[in-house]
Amino acid sequence: MRVEKVLTLAAATTAVPFTPNPARVLAGRQSETPARFTCASASWPPTTIGQPNVPQAPSAELESMLSEVSAANIEKTILKLASFGTRHTLSAQDPGGARGIGPARAGIRSEFQRYADAGDGRLAVETVGYVQEPDGGRVPFPTRIDDVVATLRGTEPDGRRLYVVSGHYDSRASDPLDYESDAPGADDDASGVAVSLELARIMSQPTYPRPRASIAFVAVAGEEQGRKQSL
């Protein structure tokens, strides 16, 4: 009985012909003129939801710091780092030499320490490193990898926030295992190290208030050998 009832209802129902314009169906199938749905142009985008973002204006201290950034200092650091011939992670480690990653690292630490000595104790400098054992790839023999870290201590007592400003001071030629050819690395990444040094110089000055969060200015090594830096 149920099946017969369904068939009877189906036979009594007026079929709706297919139309490529479904608006006609929505309009009640009474007109051959397609229905049009419009909205006022002024209704989009909505103007009653949310507020436009307003850029935060820099503080007077920040504007003063930015005015102290010296292009000459940055260029001087880049040229000095490029003068070591190569700063390949596998190159000479002797800090007193004239070529290799060793004297480059010593020079970076010396600059950070100079800024710390001129300050009020807010900047602490250290060298953090380890010996990377051969990895079957870009480190074929045991190699010392050191990062130079200058930490500007913030005022937050728990020290829960730390921002890192870094660049890698190692460099390489086309062959990642060639640690003898010149690889000045001016823009990869002596420039990044130079900016880190310049910001540390400015922000460590006692004339400026200490930031709430701590900031670590870091020059890392081992980046070109597979990002094997300490930090």
Protein backbone atom coordinates (compact mmCIF):
# COMPACT_ATOMS: atom_id res chain seq x y z
CA MET A 1 0.00 0.00 0.00
CA ARG A 2 2.78 2.43 0.84
CA VAL A 3 4.45 1.93 -2.55
CA GLU A 4 1.20 2.48 -4.40
CA LYS A 5 0.58 5.70 -2.45
CA VAL A 6 4.03 7.04 -3.32
CA LEU A 7 3.52 6.28 -7.00
CA THR A 8 0.12 7.98 -6.94
CA LEU A 9 1.58 11.14 -5.38
CA ALA A 10 4.43 11.16 -7.86
CA ALA A 11 2.06 10.91 -10.81
CA ALA A 12 0.00 13.81 -9.49
CA THR A 13 3.01 16.09 -8.99
CA THR A 14 3.74 18.65 -11.70
CA ALA A 15 7.25 18.13 -12.99
CA VAL A 16 9.56 21.12 -12.95
CA PRO A 17 11.30 21.42 -16.34
CA PHE A 18 15.07 21.78 -16.30
CA THR A 19 16.27 25.33 -16.66
CA PRO A 20 19.79 26.71 -16.69
CA ASN A 21 18.45 29.62 -14.67
CA PRO A 22 17.56 28.43 -11.15
CA ALA A 23 16.42 31.95 -10.29
CA ARG A 24 13.22 31.23 -12.25
CA VAL A 25 12.48 28.33 -9.94
CA LEU A 26 13.14 30.43 -6.87
CA ALA A 27 10.82 33.11 -8.25
CA GLY A 28 7.90 30.66 -8.16
CA ARG A 29 7.98 29.42 -11.73
CA GLN A 30 5.36 32.00 -12.67
CA SER A 31 7.41 34.12 -15.03
CA GLU A 32 9.66 33.56 -17.97
CA THR A 33 11.70 36.58 -16.88
CA PRO A 34 14.65 35.49 -14.76
CA ALA A 35 14.57 36.84 -11.25
CA ARG A 36 17.38 39.20 -10.29
CA PHE A 37 18.99 39.41 -6.91
CA THR A 38 20.69 42.69 -6.13
CA CYS A 39 22.24 44.43 -3.18
CA ALA A 40 23.17 48.04 -2.76
CA SER A 41 26.76 48.79 -3.68
CA ALA A 42 27.19 50.65 -0.42
CA SER A 43 26.44 47.55 1.65
CA TRP A 44 29.85 45.99 0.97
CA PRO A 45 32.26 46.01 2.60
CA PRO A 46 30.41 46.39 5.88
CA THR A 47 31.29 49.54 7.76
CA THR A 48 29.87 48.64 11.14
CA ILE A 49 32.16 45.70 11.95
CA GLY A 50 35.59 46.21 13.49
CA GLN A 51 37.95 49.13 13.23
CA PRO A 52 40.73 49.79 10.71
CA ASN A 53 44.24 49.00 11.88
CA VAL A 54 46.30 52.00 12.88
CA PRO A 55 50.09 51.64 12.65
CA GLN A 56 51.83 52.01 15.98
CA ALA A 57 53.87 55.17 16.06
CA PRO A 58 57.54 54.65 17.01
CA SER A 59 58.55 55.89 20.43
CA ALA A 60 60.95 58.77 20.85
CA GLU A 61 63.62 56.33 22.07
CA LEU A 62 63.22 54.13 18.99
CA GLU A 63 63.41 57.09 16.64
CA SER A 64 66.58 58.21 18.39
CA MET A 65 68.12 54.74 18.07
CA LEU A 66 67.28 54.56 14.38
CA SER A 67 68.92 57.93 13.81
CA GLU A 68 72.16 56.52 15.25
CA VAL A 69 72.44 53.64 12.77
CA SER A 70 75.67 54.26 10.89
CA ALA A 71 76.02 52.99 7.32
CA ALA A 72 79.76 53.64 7.65
CA ASN A 73 80.01 51.31 10.65
CA ILE A 74 78.10 48.58 8.83
CA GLU A 75 80.29 48.90 5.75
CA LYS A 76 83.44 48.84 7.87
CA THR A 77 82.39 45.57 9.52
CA ILE A 78 81.52 43.96 6.18
CA LEU A 79 84.89 44.91 4.69
CA LYS A 80 86.73 43.66 7.77
CA LEU A 81 85.00 40.27 7.68
CA ALA A 82 85.59 39.95 3.93
CA SER A 83 89.29 40.66 4.45
CA PHE A 84 89.88 37.27 6.12
CA GLY A 85 89.80 35.60 2.70
CA THR A 86 87.51 32.81 3.75
CA ARG A 87 85.43 32.26 6.86
CA HIS A 88 84.62 28.68 6.00
CA THR A 89 83.67 26.66 9.07
CA LEU A 90 86.42 24.15 8.22
CA SER A 91 89.08 26.84 7.73
CA ALA A 92 91.84 27.97 10.10
CA GLN A 93 90.71 28.36 13.72
CA ASP A 94 93.72 30.31 15.04
CA PRO A 95 92.32 33.57 16.45
CA GLY A 96 95.64 35.30 15.93
CA GLY A 97 95.91 34.44 12.25
CA ALA A 98 95.17 36.60 9.24
CA ARG A 99 92.96 34.18 7.36
CA GLY A 100 90.13 31.86 8.27
CA ILE A 101 87.16 31.68 10.58
CA GLY A 102 89.24 31.90 13.78
CA PRO A 103 90.37 35.53 13.43
CA ALA A 104 86.92 36.51 12.15
CA ARG A 105 85.31 35.10 15.29
CA ALA A 106 87.88 36.84 17.49
CA GLY A 107 87.19 40.16 15.78
CA ILE A 108 83.45 39.84 16.25
CA ARG A 109 83.83 39.00 19.93
CA SER A 110 86.23 41.92 20.41
CA GLU A 111 83.67 44.35 18.96
CA PHE A 112 80.83 43.02 21.10
CA GLN A 113 83.07 43.24 24.17
CA ARG A 114 84.01 46.81 23.34
CA TYR A 115 80.34 47.77 23.40
CA ALA A 116 79.84 45.92 26.68
CA ASP A 117 82.81 47.65 28.32
CA ALA A 118 81.46 51.05 27.31
CA GLY A 119 78.06 50.33 28.85
CA ASP A 120 76.56 49.90 32.28
CA GLY A 121 76.69 46.13 32.53
CA ARG A 122 73.52 45.41 30.59
CA LEU A 123 75.39 43.64 27.75
CA ALA A 124 77.06 40.29 28.47
CA VAL A 125 79.32 38.62 25.88
CA GLU A 126 80.15 34.92 25.61
CA THR A 127 81.27 32.35 23.09
CA VAL A 128 79.16 29.19 22.94
CA GLY A 129 80.35 26.20 20.97
CA TYR A 130 81.00 22.51 20.57
CA VAL A 131 83.00 20.07 18.46
CA GLN A 132 81.05 18.68 15.53
CA GLU A 133 82.10 15.16 14.69
CA PRO A 134 82.29 14.00 11.05
CA ASP A 135 78.78 13.66 9.65
CA GLY A 136 79.44 11.98 6.33
CA GLY A 137 78.48 15.19 4.53
CA ARG A 138 79.77 18.72 4.85
CA VAL A 139 81.84 18.10 7.98
CA PRO A 140 84.53 15.55 7.02
CA PHE A 141 86.63 15.89 10.20
CA PRO A 142 86.09 17.03 13.82
CA THR A 143 85.43 20.76 13.71
CA ARG A 144 84.98 23.41 16.37
CA ILE A 145 81.82 25.46 15.80
CA ASP A 146 81.42 28.58 17.94
CA ASP A 147 78.70 31.23 18.15
CA VAL A 148 79.43 34.66 19.60
CA VAL A 149 76.54 35.85 21.76
CA ALA A 150 75.98 39.32 23.23
CA THR A 151 72.90 39.36 25.45
CA LEU A 152 71.22 42.64 26.34
CA ARG A 153 69.47 41.86 29.59
CA GLY A 154 65.91 43.13 29.86
CA THR A 155 64.10 44.41 32.92
CA GLU A 156 61.60 41.55 33.23
CA PRO A 157 62.61 39.72 36.42
CA ASP A 158 61.80 36.24 35.17
CA GLY A 159 63.54 36.70 31.83
CA ARG A 160 60.78 34.78 30.09
CA ARG A 161 61.08 36.67 26.79
CA LEU A 162 64.17 36.60 24.59
CA TYR A 163 64.43 38.00 21.08
CA VAL A 164 67.30 36.93 18.81
CA VAL A 165 68.98 39.16 16.22
CA SER A 166 71.48 37.10 14.26
CA GLY A 167 73.61 36.64 11.19
CA HIS A 168 76.03 33.85 10.28
CA TYR A 169 79.68 34.76 10.01
CA ASP A 170 80.86 31.64 8.20
CA SER A 171 81.15 31.67 4.41
CA ARG A 172 81.81 29.23 1.58
CA ALA A 173 82.82 29.00 -2.07
CA SER A 174 80.78 27.10 -4.67
CA ASP A 175 82.06 23.78 -3.35
CA PRO A 176 80.79 23.45 0.24
CA LEU A 177 83.89 21.42 1.17
CA ASP A 178 86.38 23.91 -0.30
CA TYR A 179 87.76 25.69 2.76
CA GLU A 180 90.88 27.08 1.09
CA SER A 181 89.57 29.24 -1.78
CA ASP A 182 88.54 32.83 -1.15
CA ALA A 183 84.97 33.20 0.04
CA PRO A 184 84.52 36.82 1.17
CA GLY A 185 80.79 36.36 1.87
CA ALA A 186 80.02 40.07 2.04
CA ASP A 187 76.28 39.56 1.60
CA ASP A 188 76.21 35.97 2.87
CA ASP A 189 76.30 36.85 5.61
CA ALA A 190 78.80 39.49 6.73
CA SER A 191 76.05 42.07 6.22
CA GLY A 192 73.76 40.30 8.69
CA VAL A 193 76.52 40.15 11.28
CA ALA A 194 77.30 43.82 10.70
CA VAL A 195 73.69 44.83 11.40
CA SER A 196 73.63 42.72 14.57
CA LEU A 197 76.80 44.42 15.79
CA GLU A 198 75.47 47.88 14.99
CA LEU A 199 72.21 47.30 16.85
CA ALA A 200 74.11 45.93 19.85
CA ARG A 201 76.32 49.03 19.85
CA ILE A 202 73.35 51.37 19.90
CA MET A 203 71.00 49.55 22.24
CA SER A 204 73.65 48.81 24.86
CA GLN A 205 74.32 52.51 25.48
CA PRO A 206 73.34 53.68 28.99
CA THR A 207 71.59 56.72 27.49
CA TYR A 208 68.72 54.46 26.45
CA PRO A 209 66.33 52.61 28.76
CA ARG A 210 66.75 48.86 28.97
CA PRO A 211 64.10 46.90 27.09
CA ARG A 212 61.64 44.80 29.05
CA ALA A 213 62.50 41.65 27.08
CA SER A 214 66.08 40.46 26.68
CA ILE A 215 67.72 40.59 23.25
CA ALA A 216 70.50 38.26 22.09
CA PHE A 217 72.71 39.58 19.31
CA VAL A 218 74.33 36.49 17.81
CA ALA A 219 76.95 35.73 15.17
CA VAL A 220 76.66 32.05 14.31
CA ALA A 221 78.95 29.62 12.48
CA GLY A 222 78.23 26.33 10.74
CA GLU A 223 75.32 27.67 8.72
CA GLU A 224 76.91 26.80 5.38
CA GLN A 225 77.69 23.27 6.58
CA GLY A 226 74.08 22.35 7.20
CA ARG A 227 73.01 24.85 9.86
CA LYS A 228 75.06 23.22 12.59
CA GLN A 229 75.39 26.35 14.72
CA SER A 230 75.21 26.02 18.47
CA LEU A 231 72.01 28.02 18.92
